[in-house]
Protein backbone atom coordinates (compact mmCIF):
# COMPACT_ATOMS: atom_id res chain seq x y z
CA MET A 1 9.55 -27.02 -18.85
CA LEU A 2 6.01 -28.12 -19.61
CA ARG A 3 3.27 -28.65 -17.04
CA LEU A 4 0.82 -31.48 -17.64
CA THR A 5 -2.32 -31.65 -15.53
CA GLU A 6 -5.01 -34.29 -14.98
CA ILE A 7 -2.75 -37.27 -15.66
CA LYS A 8 -4.81 -40.13 -14.20
CA LEU A 9 -3.37 -43.50 -13.24
CA PRO A 10 -4.55 -46.45 -11.14
CA LEU A 11 -3.82 -46.33 -7.41
CA ASN A 12 -1.29 -49.16 -7.53
CA HIS A 13 0.40 -48.30 -10.82
CA ASP A 14 4.01 -49.37 -11.44
CA GLU A 15 6.98 -46.99 -11.47
CA ASN A 16 7.07 -46.71 -15.27
CA ALA A 17 3.42 -45.75 -15.65
CA ILE A 18 3.95 -41.99 -15.30
CA SER A 19 6.52 -41.74 -18.08
CA ALA A 20 4.39 -44.03 -20.25
CA ALA A 21 1.36 -41.79 -19.71
CA ILE A 22 3.37 -38.69 -20.67
CA ILE A 23 4.69 -40.33 -23.82
CA GLU A 24 1.19 -41.41 -24.80
CA LYS A 25 -0.33 -38.01 -24.01
CA LEU A 26 2.21 -36.06 -26.06
CA ALA A 27 2.72 -38.70 -28.76
CA ILE A 28 6.50 -38.52 -28.41
CA ILE A 29 9.26 -41.11 -28.35
CA PRO A 30 10.88 -42.03 -25.01
CA GLU A 31 14.17 -40.36 -25.96
CA GLN A 32 12.47 -36.94 -26.05
CA LEU A 33 11.52 -37.12 -22.35
CA HIS A 34 14.38 -36.21 -19.98
CA ASN A 35 13.07 -35.33 -16.53
CA ILE A 36 9.81 -35.64 -14.57
CA THR A 37 8.90 -33.75 -11.38
CA VAL A 38 5.65 -34.42 -9.53
CA PHE A 39 4.21 -30.98 -8.74
CA LYS A 40 0.95 -32.27 -7.25
CA ARG A 41 -0.60 -35.65 -6.55
CA GLY A 42 -4.20 -36.13 -5.52
CA PHE A 43 -6.74 -38.89 -5.87
CA ASP A 44 -10.30 -39.50 -6.98
CA ALA A 45 -12.04 -41.95 -4.64
CA ARG A 46 -15.60 -41.58 -5.94
CA LYS A 47 -15.39 -45.15 -7.23
CA LYS A 48 -14.00 -47.04 -4.25
CA ALA A 49 -13.15 -50.12 -6.31
CA ASP A 50 -11.23 -48.05 -8.87
CA ILE A 51 -9.45 -45.20 -7.05
CA GLN A 52 -7.40 -43.07 -9.43
CA LEU A 53 -4.32 -40.99 -8.68
CA ILE A 54 -4.33 -37.58 -10.37
CA TYR A 55 -0.97 -36.00 -11.18
CA THR A 56 0.26 -32.55 -12.11
CA LEU A 57 3.70 -33.03 -13.67
CA ASP A 58 6.53 -30.73 -14.72
CA ILE A 59 8.66 -32.24 -17.48
CA ASP A 60 11.80 -31.52 -19.48
CA VAL A 61 11.19 -32.54 -23.07
CA ASP A 62 12.69 -31.93 -26.51
CA ASP A 63 10.85 -29.67 -28.96
CA GLU A 64 8.94 -27.88 -26.21
CA ALA A 65 7.85 -24.97 -28.45
CA GLN A 66 6.54 -27.35 -31.09
CA LEU A 67 4.58 -29.32 -28.51
CA LEU A 68 3.05 -26.16 -27.06
CA GLN A 69 1.94 -25.15 -30.53
CA ARG A 70 0.48 -28.59 -31.22
CA PHE A 71 -1.41 -28.59 -27.89
CA ALA A 72 -2.36 -24.90 -27.98
CA HIS A 73 -6.04 -25.72 -27.37
CA ASP A 74 -5.40 -28.28 -24.63
CA GLN A 75 -5.71 -26.65 -21.21
CA HIS A 76 -3.81 -29.56 -19.67
CA VAL A 77 -0.54 -28.80 -21.53
CA LYS A 78 0.98 -25.44 -20.61
CA PRO A 79 4.38 -23.89 -19.86
CA THR A 80 5.44 -24.45 -16.25
CA PRO A 81 4.85 -21.20 -14.33
CA ASP A 82 7.61 -19.60 -12.30
CA THR A 83 6.71 -20.25 -8.66
CA SER A 84 9.95 -18.93 -7.15
CA TYR A 85 9.69 -16.19 -4.56
CA ALA A 86 11.00 -12.67 -5.32
CA TYR A 87 11.61 -10.19 -2.50
CA VAL A 88 10.09 -6.74 -2.95
CA GLY A 89 13.17 -4.94 -1.64
CA GLN A 90 16.12 -4.85 0.70
CA ALA A 91 16.48 -2.70 3.79
CA PRO A 92 19.19 -0.02 3.62
CA ASP A 93 22.07 -0.18 6.08
CA ASN A 94 21.05 3.08 7.73
CA LEU A 95 17.48 2.08 8.56
CA ALA A 96 16.63 4.05 11.70
CA GLU A 97 13.52 2.14 12.77
CA ARG A 98 12.86 -1.55 13.38
CA PRO A 99 9.44 -3.00 12.54
CA ILE A 100 7.62 -4.92 15.26
CA VAL A 101 5.61 -8.12 14.81
CA ILE A 102 3.12 -9.00 17.56
CA GLY A 103 2.49 -12.74 17.68
CA LEU A 104 4.53 -15.77 16.63
CA GLY A 105 1.89 -18.00 15.11
CA PRO A 106 2.11 -18.88 11.40
CA CYS A 107 1.25 -15.35 10.29
CA GLY A 108 3.70 -13.60 12.62
CA LEU A 109 6.32 -16.23 11.88
CA PHE A 110 6.29 -15.56 8.15
CA ALA A 111 5.91 -11.81 8.53
CA GLY A 112 8.99 -11.85 10.75
CA LEU A 113 10.90 -14.27 8.54
CA ILE A 114 10.33 -12.30 5.33
CA LEU A 115 11.24 -9.03 7.04
CA ALA A 116 14.39 -10.64 8.41
CA GLN A 117 15.31 -12.05 5.01
CA MET A 118 14.98 -8.55 3.56
CA GLY A 119 17.26 -7.12 6.25
CA PHE A 120 14.72 -5.21 8.35
CA ASN A 121 15.79 -6.80 11.67
CA PRO A 122 12.26 -7.17 13.09
CA ILE A 123 11.41 -7.38 16.77
CA ILE A 124 8.90 -10.21 17.33
CA LEU A 125 6.86 -10.19 20.52
CA GLU A 126 5.08 -13.36 21.74
CA ARG A 127 2.98 -13.30 24.89
CA GLY A 128 3.43 -17.05 25.43
CA LYS A 129 6.46 -19.26 25.86
CA ASP A 130 8.82 -20.86 23.34
CA VAL A 131 7.35 -23.92 21.67
CA ARG A 132 9.08 -26.54 23.81
CA GLU A 133 8.14 -24.94 27.15
CA ARG A 134 4.68 -24.23 25.84
CA THR A 135 4.28 -27.90 24.90
CA LYS A 136 5.12 -28.89 28.49
CA ASP A 137 2.47 -26.52 29.83
CA THR A 138 -0.13 -27.71 27.33
CA PHE A 139 0.45 -31.42 27.87
CA GLY A 140 0.51 -30.76 31.61
CA PHE A 141 -2.94 -29.14 31.42
CA TRP A 142 -4.23 -32.14 29.47
CA ARG A 143 -2.95 -34.39 32.25
CA GLY A 144 -4.99 -32.51 34.82
CA LYS A 145 -2.65 -29.78 35.95
CA ALA A 146 -3.58 -26.11 36.19
CA LEU A 147 -4.33 -24.06 33.08
CA ASN A 148 -1.66 -21.47 32.28
CA SER A 149 -3.64 -18.68 30.63
CA GLU A 150 -0.52 -17.35 28.89
CA SER A 151 0.88 -20.71 27.70
CA ASN A 152 -1.62 -23.15 26.19
CA VAL A 153 -3.10 -24.34 22.89
CA GLN A 154 -3.89 -20.76 21.89
CA PHE A 155 -0.85 -18.79 23.12
CA GLY A 156 2.82 -19.41 22.53
CA GLU A 157 5.33 -19.96 19.74
CA GLY A 158 3.66 -21.58 16.74
CA GLY A 159 0.16 -20.35 17.51
CA ALA A 160 -2.98 -22.50 17.69
CA GLY A 161 -1.92 -24.44 14.59
CA THR A 162 0.86 -26.15 16.54
CA PHE A 163 -1.69 -28.29 18.38
CA SER A 164 -3.79 -29.26 15.39
CA ASP A 165 -3.43 -31.59 12.45
CA GLY A 166 -0.79 -29.32 10.94
CA LYS A 167 -2.87 -29.07 7.77
CA LEU A 168 -1.17 -27.18 4.97
CA TYR A 169 -3.87 -26.70 2.40
CA SER A 170 -6.13 -23.77 1.75
CA GLN A 171 -8.72 -22.52 -0.73
CA VAL A 172 -7.39 -18.96 -0.83
CA LYS A 173 -6.40 -17.57 -4.22
CA ASP A 174 -2.63 -17.45 -4.49
CA PRO A 175 -1.64 -15.98 -7.88
CA LYS A 176 1.86 -15.09 -6.66
CA HIS A 177 2.54 -18.60 -5.32
CA TYR A 178 3.21 -17.44 -1.77
CA GLY A 179 2.05 -20.85 -0.63
CA ARG A 180 5.10 -22.39 -2.29
CA LYS A 181 7.31 -20.05 -0.27
CA VAL A 182 5.58 -21.18 2.93
CA MET A 183 5.99 -24.85 2.01
CA SER A 184 9.61 -24.52 0.96
CA GLU A 185 10.53 -22.80 4.23
CA PHE A 186 8.80 -25.58 6.15
CA VAL A 187 10.71 -28.23 4.21
CA ALA A 188 13.97 -26.38 4.86
CA ALA A 189 13.09 -26.49 8.57
CA GLY A 190 12.52 -30.25 8.54
CA ALA A 191 9.02 -30.89 7.21
CA PRO A 192 8.59 -33.96 4.97
CA GLU A 193 9.31 -33.13 1.33
CA GLU A 194 5.98 -34.71 0.37
CA ILE A 195 4.16 -31.57 1.55
CA MET A 196 5.34 -29.94 -1.67
CA TYR A 197 3.25 -32.26 -3.84
CA VAL A 198 0.54 -34.21 -2.00
CA SER A 199 -2.93 -32.71 -2.38
CA LYS A 200 -3.69 -32.46 1.34
CA PRO A 201 -0.36 -32.09 3.12
CA HIS A 202 -0.08 -32.16 6.89
CA ILE A 203 2.74 -32.18 9.41
CA GLY A 204 1.48 -32.96 12.92
CA THR A 205 2.39 -31.43 16.26
CA PHE A 206 5.66 -33.19 17.09
CA LYS A 207 7.27 -32.28 13.77
CA LEU A 208 6.03 -28.70 14.07
CA VAL A 209 7.83 -28.23 17.38
CA ALA A 210 11.28 -28.92 15.94
CA MET A 211 10.49 -26.92 12.81
CA MET A 212 9.51 -23.86 14.81
CA GLU A 213 12.82 -23.95 16.67
CA LYS A 214 14.80 -24.05 13.41
CA MET A 215 12.82 -21.20 11.88
CA ARG A 216 13.24 -19.13 15.02
CA ALA A 217 17.01 -19.67 14.89
CA ASN A 218 17.00 -18.60 11.24
CA ILE A 219 15.20 -15.34 12.03
CA ILE A 220 17.67 -14.56 14.83
CA ALA A 221 20.66 -15.38 12.61
CA LEU A 222 19.32 -12.90 10.04
CA GLY A 223 19.20 -10.10 12.62
CA GLY A 224 15.71 -10.51 14.04
CA GLU A 225 14.94 -10.41 17.75
CA ILE A 226 12.33 -12.65 19.41
CA ARG A 227 10.97 -12.04 22.88
CA PHE A 228 8.80 -14.59 24.67
CA ASN A 229 6.56 -13.97 27.71
CA THR A 230 6.04 -10.49 26.29
CA ARG A 231 2.45 -9.28 26.14
CA VAL A 232 1.53 -5.97 24.55
CA ASP A 233 -0.78 -4.08 26.91
CA GLU A 234 -1.13 -0.73 25.15
CA ILE A 235 -0.58 0.97 21.81
CA HIS A 236 0.33 4.64 21.42
CA THR A 237 -0.94 6.89 18.67
CA GLU A 238 -0.59 10.47 17.50
CA ASP A 239 -2.84 12.08 14.88
CA GLY A 240 -3.91 8.75 13.44
CA GLN A 241 -0.40 7.32 13.37
CA LEU A 242 0.82 4.42 15.49
CA THR A 243 3.93 5.49 17.38
CA GLY A 244 4.74 2.64 19.74
CA LEU A 245 3.75 0.01 22.28
CA THR A 246 3.84 -0.54 26.01
CA LEU A 247 4.56 -4.07 27.21
CA ALA A 248 3.17 -5.78 30.30
CA SER A 249 6.57 -5.22 31.91
CA GLY A 250 6.14 -1.47 31.52
CA GLU A 251 8.79 -1.16 28.82
CA ARG A 252 7.89 1.09 25.90
CA LEU A 253 8.96 0.32 22.32
CA HIS A 254 8.90 2.92 19.57
CA SER A 255 7.91 1.97 16.03
CA LYS A 256 5.58 3.32 13.36
CA HIS A 257 5.33 -0.04 11.59
CA VAL A 258 3.71 -2.88 13.56
CA VAL A 259 2.29 -6.17 12.31
CA LEU A 260 -0.64 -7.34 14.42
CA ALA A 261 -0.70 -11.16 14.15
CA ILE A 262 -2.20 -12.10 17.50
CA GLY A 263 -4.46 -15.03 16.56
CA HIS A 264 -8.18 -15.48 17.14
CA SER A 265 -8.12 -15.79 20.95
CA ALA A 266 -6.30 -12.68 22.18
CA ARG A 267 -9.48 -11.25 23.65
CA ASP A 268 -7.78 -8.81 26.01
CA THR A 269 -5.80 -7.34 23.11
CA PHE A 270 -8.95 -7.01 20.99
CA GLN A 271 -10.54 -5.09 23.86
CA MET A 272 -7.50 -2.81 24.23
CA LEU A 273 -7.47 -2.06 20.49
CA TYR A 274 -11.18 -1.28 20.54
CA ASP A 275 -10.75 1.01 23.56
CA LYS A 276 -7.96 2.81 21.67
CA GLY A 277 -10.29 3.48 18.77
CA VAL A 278 -8.99 0.98 16.21
CA TYR A 279 -11.84 0.19 13.83
CA ILE A 280 -13.17 -3.33 14.42
CA GLU A 281 -16.20 -5.11 13.00
CA ALA A 282 -17.97 -8.22 14.24
CA LYS A 283 -17.78 -11.08 11.74
CA PRO A 284 -19.47 -14.48 11.39
CA PHE A 285 -18.00 -17.61 12.94
CA SER A 286 -19.35 -21.03 13.93
CA ILE A 287 -20.19 -22.97 17.07
CA GLY A 288 -20.76 -26.66 17.75
CA PHE A 289 -19.17 -29.85 19.02
CA ARG A 290 -16.39 -32.30 18.23
CA ILE A 291 -17.65 -35.59 16.82
CA GLU A 292 -15.69 -38.87 17.09
CA HIS A 293 -15.97 -42.15 15.20
CA GLU A 294 -13.62 -45.07 14.77
CA GLN A 295 -11.16 -44.18 12.02
CA SER A 296 -11.51 -47.67 10.53
CA MET A 297 -15.17 -46.94 9.79
CA ILE A 298 -14.32 -43.73 7.94
CA ASP A 299 -11.56 -45.50 5.98
CA GLU A 300 -13.87 -48.33 4.95
CA CYS A 301 -16.62 -45.93 3.89
CA ARG A 302 -14.31 -43.72 1.84
CA PHE A 303 -11.88 -46.25 0.37
CA GLY A 304 -13.59 -49.64 0.54
CA ARG A 305 -11.13 -52.48 -0.11
CA ASN A 306 -8.36 -49.91 -0.56
CA ALA A 307 -8.60 -48.80 3.08
CA GLY A 308 -5.15 -48.85 4.62
CA ASN A 309 -3.29 -48.10 1.39
CA PRO A 310 -0.25 -46.01 2.45
CA ILE A 311 -0.69 -43.55 -0.43
CA LEU A 312 -4.24 -42.80 0.66
CA GLY A 313 -3.47 -42.76 4.39
CA ALA A 314 -6.23 -42.17 6.92
CA ALA A 315 -9.43 -41.00 5.24
CA ASP A 316 -10.92 -37.57 5.88
CA TYR A 317 -14.25 -36.03 4.95
CA LYS A 318 -15.86 -32.69 4.23
CA LEU A 319 -19.59 -32.39 4.84
CA VAL A 320 -22.22 -29.66 4.70
CA HIS A 321 -25.98 -29.63 5.23
CA HIS A 322 -28.43 -26.76 4.77
CA CYS A 323 -31.07 -27.12 7.44
CA SER A 324 -34.80 -26.45 7.39
CA ASN A 325 -34.40 -23.71 10.02
CA GLY A 326 -32.20 -21.71 7.65
CA ARG A 327 -28.90 -22.65 9.29
CA SER A 328 -25.94 -24.44 7.72
CA VAL A 329 -24.04 -27.21 9.51
CA TYR A 330 -20.65 -28.34 8.28
CA SER A 331 -17.60 -30.33 9.27
CA PHE A 332 -14.54 -28.29 10.15
CA CYS A 333 -10.90 -29.07 10.93
CA MET A 334 -11.31 -32.81 10.39
CA CYS A 335 -8.50 -34.74 12.07
CA PRO A 336 -8.03 -38.32 10.80
CA GLY A 337 -6.52 -40.69 13.32
CA GLY A 338 -6.32 -37.98 15.94
CA THR A 339 -7.58 -36.79 19.31
CA VAL A 340 -9.92 -34.17 20.71
CA VAL A 341 -7.91 -31.71 22.78
CA ALA A 342 -8.55 -29.18 25.54
CA SER A 343 -8.00 -25.71 24.07
CA SER A 344 -8.99 -23.36 26.87
CA SER A 345 -7.14 -20.08 27.25
CA GLU A 346 -9.28 -18.45 29.92
CA GLN A 347 -9.94 -19.65 33.44
CA GLY A 348 -13.40 -21.17 33.87
CA GLY A 349 -14.04 -22.06 30.24
CA VAL A 350 -13.96 -25.32 28.27
CA VAL A 351 -12.98 -25.24 24.60
CA THR A 352 -12.37 -28.21 22.31
CA ASN A 353 -10.28 -28.61 19.19
CA GLY A 354 -8.82 -31.50 17.20
CA MET A 355 -5.22 -32.66 16.75
CA SER A 356 -3.37 -35.36 14.80
CA GLN A 357 0.23 -36.39 14.69
CA TYR A 358 1.97 -36.92 11.35
CA SER A 359 1.28 -40.67 11.48
CA ARG A 360 -2.48 -40.25 12.04
CA HIS A 361 -2.47 -43.63 13.76
CA GLU A 362 -4.82 -42.93 16.68
CA ARG A 363 -7.97 -45.04 16.88
CA ASN A 364 -10.55 -42.28 16.36
CA ALA A 365 -11.36 -39.78 13.66
CA ASN A 366 -12.67 -36.45 14.90
CA SER A 367 -14.06 -33.29 13.38
CA ALA A 368 -15.90 -30.21 14.48
CA ILE A 369 -19.58 -30.26 13.53
CA VAL A 370 -20.54 -26.62 13.66
CA VAL A 371 -23.36 -24.22 12.88
CA GLY A 372 -22.68 -20.92 11.16
CA ILE A 373 -23.76 -17.82 13.10
CA ASP A 374 -23.58 -14.14 12.20
CA PRO A 375 -23.67 -10.76 13.96
CA GLU A 376 -26.94 -9.46 12.57
CA ARG A 377 -29.18 -12.13 14.07
CA ASP A 378 -27.07 -13.87 16.73
CA TYR A 379 -24.89 -11.27 18.48
CA PRO A 380 -25.91 -7.78 17.36
CA GLY A 381 -25.07 -4.43 18.84
CA HIS A 382 -21.33 -4.39 19.54
CA PRO A 383 -18.19 -5.25 17.54
CA LEU A 384 -16.95 -7.51 20.36
CA ALA A 385 -20.29 -9.21 21.05
CA GLY A 386 -19.12 -12.42 19.38
CA ILE A 387 -16.32 -12.69 21.93
CA GLU A 388 -18.81 -12.43 24.77
CA LEU A 389 -20.99 -15.12 23.17
CA GLN A 390 -17.97 -17.43 22.90
CA ARG A 391 -17.14 -16.83 26.54
CA GLN A 392 -20.70 -17.55 27.69
CA LEU A 393 -20.81 -20.87 25.82
CA GLU A 394 -17.38 -21.90 27.11
CA GLN A 395 -18.38 -21.11 30.68
CA LYS A 396 -21.57 -23.17 30.27
CA ALA A 397 -19.48 -26.09 29.06
CA PHE A 398 -17.14 -25.66 32.04
CA LYS A 399 -20.02 -25.84 34.53
CA LEU A 400 -21.72 -28.75 32.75
CA GLY A 401 -18.43 -30.66 32.67
CA GLY A 402 -18.00 -30.42 36.44
CA GLU A 403 -15.98 -27.18 36.78
CA ASN A 404 -12.68 -29.06 36.54
CA TYR A 405 -11.99 -28.66 32.79
CA HIS A 406 -13.63 -31.99 32.00
CA ALA A 407 -15.69 -31.51 28.84
CA PRO A 408 -19.40 -32.26 28.64
CA ALA A 409 -20.02 -35.16 26.25
CA GLN A 410 -22.86 -37.26 24.91
CA LEU A 411 -23.34 -40.30 22.71
CA ILE A 412 -24.66 -39.44 19.26
CA GLY A 413 -27.69 -41.69 19.67
CA ASP A 414 -28.67 -40.06 22.94
CA PHE A 415 -28.14 -36.59 21.48
CA LEU A 416 -30.48 -37.36 18.59
CA LEU A 417 -33.10 -38.72 21.03
CA GLY A 418 -32.73 -35.76 23.40
CA LYS A 419 -31.70 -37.71 26.48
CA ALA A 420 -28.63 -37.50 28.68
CA SER A 421 -25.97 -40.17 28.28
CA THR A 422 -25.04 -42.34 31.23
CA GLU A 423 -22.50 -44.84 29.83
CA LEU A 424 -20.05 -45.18 26.94
CA GLY A 425 -20.30 -47.50 23.96
CA GLU A 426 -17.60 -48.80 21.60
CA VAL A 427 -16.22 -45.37 20.67
CA LYS A 428 -13.95 -44.24 23.50
CA PRO A 429 -13.57 -40.47 23.89
CA SER A 430 -10.04 -39.18 23.37
CA TYR A 431 -10.42 -35.84 25.18
CA THR A 432 -8.23 -35.22 28.19
CA PRO A 433 -8.35 -34.15 31.07
CA GLY A 434 -11.61 -36.15 30.83
CA ILE A 435 -15.32 -36.02 29.99
CA THR A 436 -18.60 -35.82 31.88
CA LEU A 437 -21.54 -37.58 30.25
CA THR A 438 -24.55 -35.28 30.13
CA ASP A 439 -27.09 -33.65 27.80
CA LEU A 440 -25.31 -31.29 25.37
CA ALA A 441 -28.56 -29.52 24.49
CA GLN A 442 -27.89 -27.41 27.60
CA VAL A 443 -24.74 -25.88 26.09
CA LEU A 444 -25.67 -24.39 22.72
CA PRO A 445 -28.62 -22.24 21.63
CA GLU A 446 -31.76 -24.16 20.63
CA PHE A 447 -31.39 -23.30 16.92
CA ALA A 448 -27.90 -24.84 16.89
CA ILE A 449 -29.02 -28.04 18.61
CA THR A 450 -31.97 -28.37 16.20
CA ALA A 451 -29.69 -27.86 13.20
CA ILE A 452 -27.06 -30.37 14.33
CA ARG A 453 -29.74 -32.96 15.10
CA GLU A 454 -31.00 -32.59 11.55
CA ALA A 455 -27.52 -32.60 9.99
CA ILE A 456 -26.08 -35.76 11.57
CA PRO A 457 -28.60 -38.15 9.94
CA ALA A 458 -28.10 -36.28 6.66
CA PHE A 459 -24.34 -36.85 6.95
CA ASP A 460 -25.04 -40.52 7.62
CA ARG A 461 -26.41 -40.78 4.09
CA GLN A 462 -22.97 -39.80 2.80
CA ILE A 463 -20.88 -41.70 5.36
CA LYS A 464 -22.68 -44.82 6.55
CA GLY A 465 -22.30 -45.03 10.30
CA PHE A 466 -21.91 -41.27 10.88
CA ALA A 467 -25.07 -41.32 13.03
CA LYS A 468 -23.89 -44.46 14.84
CA ALA A 469 -25.50 -44.46 18.27
CA ASP A 470 -22.30 -44.82 20.31
CA GLY A 471 -20.27 -42.24 18.43
CA MET A 472 -19.18 -39.35 20.66
CA LEU A 473 -19.98 -35.66 20.78
CA THR A 474 -17.80 -33.43 22.99
CA GLY A 475 -18.33 -29.74 23.66
CA VAL A 476 -17.88 -27.03 23.07
CA GLU A 477 -16.23 -25.84 19.82
CA THR A 478 -16.22 -22.02 19.65
CA ARG A 479 -12.82 -20.96 18.27
CA THR A 480 -13.49 -21.93 14.65
CA SER A 481 -12.35 -18.49 13.50
CA SER A 482 -11.98 -14.98 14.82
CA PRO A 483 -15.28 -13.36 15.84
CA ILE A 484 -13.95 -9.96 14.72
CA CYS A 485 -12.33 -8.32 11.71
CA ILE A 486 -9.84 -5.49 12.09
CA LYS A 487 -10.44 -3.72 8.80
CA ARG A 488 -7.47 -2.82 6.63
CA GLY A 489 -7.07 -1.02 3.33
CA ASP A 490 -5.28 -1.92 0.12
CA ASP A 491 -2.02 -0.85 1.78
CA MET A 492 -2.60 -3.60 4.42
CA GLN A 493 -2.82 -0.96 7.18
CA SER A 494 -5.71 -0.37 9.55
CA ILE A 495 -8.28 1.86 7.87
CA ASN A 496 -8.06 4.38 10.71
CA LEU A 497 -4.61 3.85 12.25
CA LYS A 498 -1.62 4.28 9.97
CA GLY A 499 1.29 1.99 10.77
CA LEU A 500 -0.82 -0.86 12.19
CA TYR A 501 -0.92 -3.91 9.90
CA PRO A 502 -3.73 -6.28 11.02
CA ALA A 503 -2.91 -9.76 9.75
CA GLY A 504 -3.75 -13.42 9.89
CA GLU A 505 -6.59 -15.31 11.46
CA GLY A 506 -7.08 -13.06 14.46
CA ALA A 507 -7.67 -10.00 12.30
CA GLY A 508 -10.08 -11.92 10.06
CA TYR A 509 -7.81 -12.49 7.05
CA ALA A 510 -6.86 -16.16 7.23
CA GLY A 511 -8.15 -19.55 8.32
CA GLY A 512 -5.43 -22.11 8.96
CA ILE A 513 -1.65 -22.44 8.89
CA LEU A 514 -1.10 -22.00 5.15
CA SER A 515 -3.41 -19.04 4.60
CA ALA A 516 -2.03 -17.36 7.74
CA GLY A 517 1.52 -17.81 6.47
CA ILE A 518 0.53 -16.38 3.09
CA ASP A 519 -1.07 -13.37 4.75
CA GLY A 520 2.06 -12.83 6.83
CA ILE A 521 4.12 -12.63 3.64
CA LYS A 522 1.69 -10.15 2.06
CA VAL A 523 1.73 -7.88 5.09
CA ALA A 524 5.52 -8.07 5.41
CA GLU A 525 5.87 -6.97 1.81
CA ALA A 526 3.47 -4.05 2.28
CA LEU A 527 5.27 -2.95 5.44
CA ALA A 528 8.69 -3.20 3.78
CA LEU A 529 7.57 -1.13 0.80
CA ALA A 530 6.13 1.52 3.13
CA MET A 531 9.37 1.72 5.10
CA LEU A 532 11.46 1.92 1.93
CA ALA A 533 9.25 4.69 0.56
CA GLN A 534 9.66 6.55 3.85
CA VAL A 535 13.45 6.30 3.60
CA LYS A 536 13.44 7.64 0.03
CA SER A 537 11.26 10.58 0.98
């Protein structure tokens, strides 16, 4: 097959336009073209009146070798690469030890799935509940019920990505096409087939719930074991080698091969690992607020008269501003047609995040607007200092919101003027359990408030109406990424504890569902190869 890239066509082209473009590009007759597969479809909306679709196509065509020779200097005509997944090995029947995976978010899910597919019969431990029970607890908290600190947006089957936009795109380098493996497994579990080719695929929470259940059943059918409500409270080591775990129940499990995929909010586990001597470094993350506008405004600004086109869907944005005080402010986890959600996992703290369903039909667009911070100047002195900073900000937000998990909020216009808000405008906040209008300058450090106040008008120059006075800011956003990195070597194991495989977002090696899934595959492969080498020796 041949792969053609950068095939541009009008937004509303007819069904024959793709084949016509191929025939024109290659200067062939129609009879030479036999099959067309859309590998990727994006769009260029820089000219709102003339939005172009951009295709990457795989085609079956006669005289392929001759065409490749003729287009040898054209980077947009190449052989189609092999993106199929190849397993690194197969577990022997007499394998004496079972690997353990801690955490059943995207990273742990794919680490466990790949190990199960290779016959290693992994044991997967998840401190939270299964996805359906967890959803009940999470929606109950949003409706004003008590926070369950072990079953919420952060903890439980599916990880934090379950209650998000379900975005499935990443900027990580992926030369082995692990991302295609992630996508294909999602499609097999019920995700829309379009995620295989649209440029910014997403799934949404409700679809993710059913998908997680199917993938769990697949792991169990392959010989894996999954335990919910199972927190790891201690690790055991001997001469620099991991030997096992103790669970909250008191049960002890023995294994010298453990994947650590605990997500970015397992603060008690980070503390336990640090106390046990596992090498951990503080890493940069970001803090800020959720910002809300009417989605129709974003659509109009981005797509003009093409707003509402089903191919384009709800418009998103990606913004960055370098401030005069040396800080950078950027949009993060933008959720078109979504809601701002309560994401607390500790008692007495307010945390916000964004979520969209697959339809993206809610009235508001929301995004985090965050300021980058780093250990050297903002939380020096201890590897876990970033965690303590997060906790302090979340507790401030809790108190400012009324100590009932309502979030502190402010109109954009009032925030820019430095005065507390007292009444809402046209943009209605979507956060539940509820909001308390106040002055958000009391929540974040002064440098962050100064930077965000400078950035919002700058963003308004790119998206007219971004600084609209009655747009909403809701606080506080602190869980943008893990505040720590559990360092690992080229063998994917902790640099000072053999047998521990730090993985995913919590360990500092991913940022989102797709990259976490990819990292889970990488770590599973490394673990499998280590176990196979151990058997041979």
